[in-house]
Amino acid sequence: MLNTPRYGRKIRNAYKEMQKKVKSLYECPKCGKKKLRRISFAVWQCKSCGATIAGAAYQPTTEAGLSALRVIKGGGK
């Protein structure tokens, strides 16, 4: 989509990095296997155990979500 010089290098590189995050497989929080894949905007599904979770738009978790989880579990010290 952005493979033409019309859009500029920074935008093309940002688009490429975003697509790399979207297409890669992530670790499932339920079964622990690296089979979690994005099926639609902020919806992720594990191909192994079939678990469906809501997450961030381009990754299953965000930095803010991980830090909040650490605080909730008591490891934020």
Protein backbone atom coordinates (compact mmCIF):
# COMPACT_ATOMS: atom_id res chain seq x y z
CA MET A 1 0.00 0.00 0.00
CA LEU A 2 2.71 2.47 0.93
CA ASN A 3 5.44 1.15 -1.36
CA THR A 4 5.62 4.34 -3.41
CA PRO A 5 7.87 7.34 -2.68
CA ARG A 6 4.75 9.50 -2.43
CA TYR A 7 4.24 8.97 1.31
CA GLY A 8 7.77 9.49 2.60
CA ARG A 9 10.26 7.26 4.36
CA LYS A 10 9.13 7.84 7.96
CA ILE A 11 5.52 6.92 7.25
CA ARG A 12 6.51 3.85 5.23
CA ASN A 13 8.81 2.65 8.02
CA ALA A 14 6.16 3.24 10.69
CA TYR A 15 3.62 1.33 8.59
CA LYS A 16 6.07 -1.55 8.10
CA GLU A 17 6.76 -1.80 11.86
CA MET A 18 3.03 -1.76 12.62
CA GLN A 19 2.37 -4.52 10.10
CA LYS A 20 5.19 -6.59 11.59
CA LYS A 21 3.56 -6.33 15.04
CA VAL A 22 0.12 -7.23 13.69
CA LYS A 23 1.25 -10.28 11.69
CA SER A 24 3.51 -11.87 14.30
CA LEU A 25 2.45 -14.58 16.74
CA TYR A 26 2.34 -13.90 20.48
CA GLU A 27 2.28 -16.08 23.59
CA CYS A 28 -1.19 -17.09 24.74
CA PRO A 29 -1.93 -16.09 28.36
CA LYS A 30 -4.13 -19.19 28.84
CA CYS A 31 -2.03 -22.07 27.48
CA GLY A 32 1.40 -20.43 27.16
CA LYS A 33 1.97 -21.46 23.53
CA LYS A 34 3.10 -18.97 20.91
CA LYS A 35 -0.11 -19.27 18.88
CA LEU A 36 -1.95 -16.03 19.66
CA ARG A 37 -2.98 -14.21 16.48
CA ARG A 38 -4.99 -11.05 15.76
CA ILE A 39 -8.37 -11.79 14.18
CA SER A 40 -9.79 -8.25 14.15
CA PHE A 41 -9.23 -4.85 15.76
CA ALA A 42 -8.15 -5.50 19.38
CA VAL A 43 -9.46 -9.11 19.31
CA TRP A 44 -6.92 -11.90 19.62
CA GLN A 45 -7.45 -15.66 19.37
CA CYS A 46 -5.22 -18.60 20.22
CA LYS A 47 -5.00 -21.22 17.48
CA SER A 48 -4.06 -23.89 20.02
CA CYS A 49 -6.61 -23.63 22.83
CA GLY A 50 -9.20 -21.42 21.12
CA ALA A 51 -9.16 -18.71 23.80
CA THR A 52 -10.32 -15.30 22.60
CA ILE A 53 -9.08 -12.21 24.43
CA ALA A 54 -9.40 -8.45 24.03
CA GLY A 55 -6.15 -6.56 23.83
CA ALA A 56 -4.53 -3.57 22.22
CA ALA A 57 -4.98 -2.71 18.56
CA TYR A 58 -1.64 -4.00 17.27
CA GLN A 59 -0.37 -6.10 20.21
CA PRO A 60 -2.21 -8.23 22.77
CA THR A 61 -0.90 -6.09 25.66
CA THR A 62 0.30 -2.53 26.14
CA GLU A 63 3.06 -1.09 28.32
CA ALA A 64 0.46 0.62 30.53
CA GLY A 65 -1.50 -2.60 30.87
CA LEU A 66 1.56 -4.58 31.91
CA SER A 67 2.56 -2.02 34.53
CA ALA A 68 -1.01 -1.92 35.90
CA LEU A 69 -1.00 -5.72 36.12
CA ARG A 70 2.26 -5.62 38.11
CA VAL A 71 0.76 -3.11 40.54
CA ILE A 72 -2.39 -5.20 40.96
CA LYS A 73 -0.38 -8.36 41.64
CA GLY A 74 1.82 -6.53 44.16
CA GLY A 75 5.06 -6.56 42.21
CA GLY A 76 5.17 -2.83 41.55
CA LYS A 77 7.71 -2.09 44.26
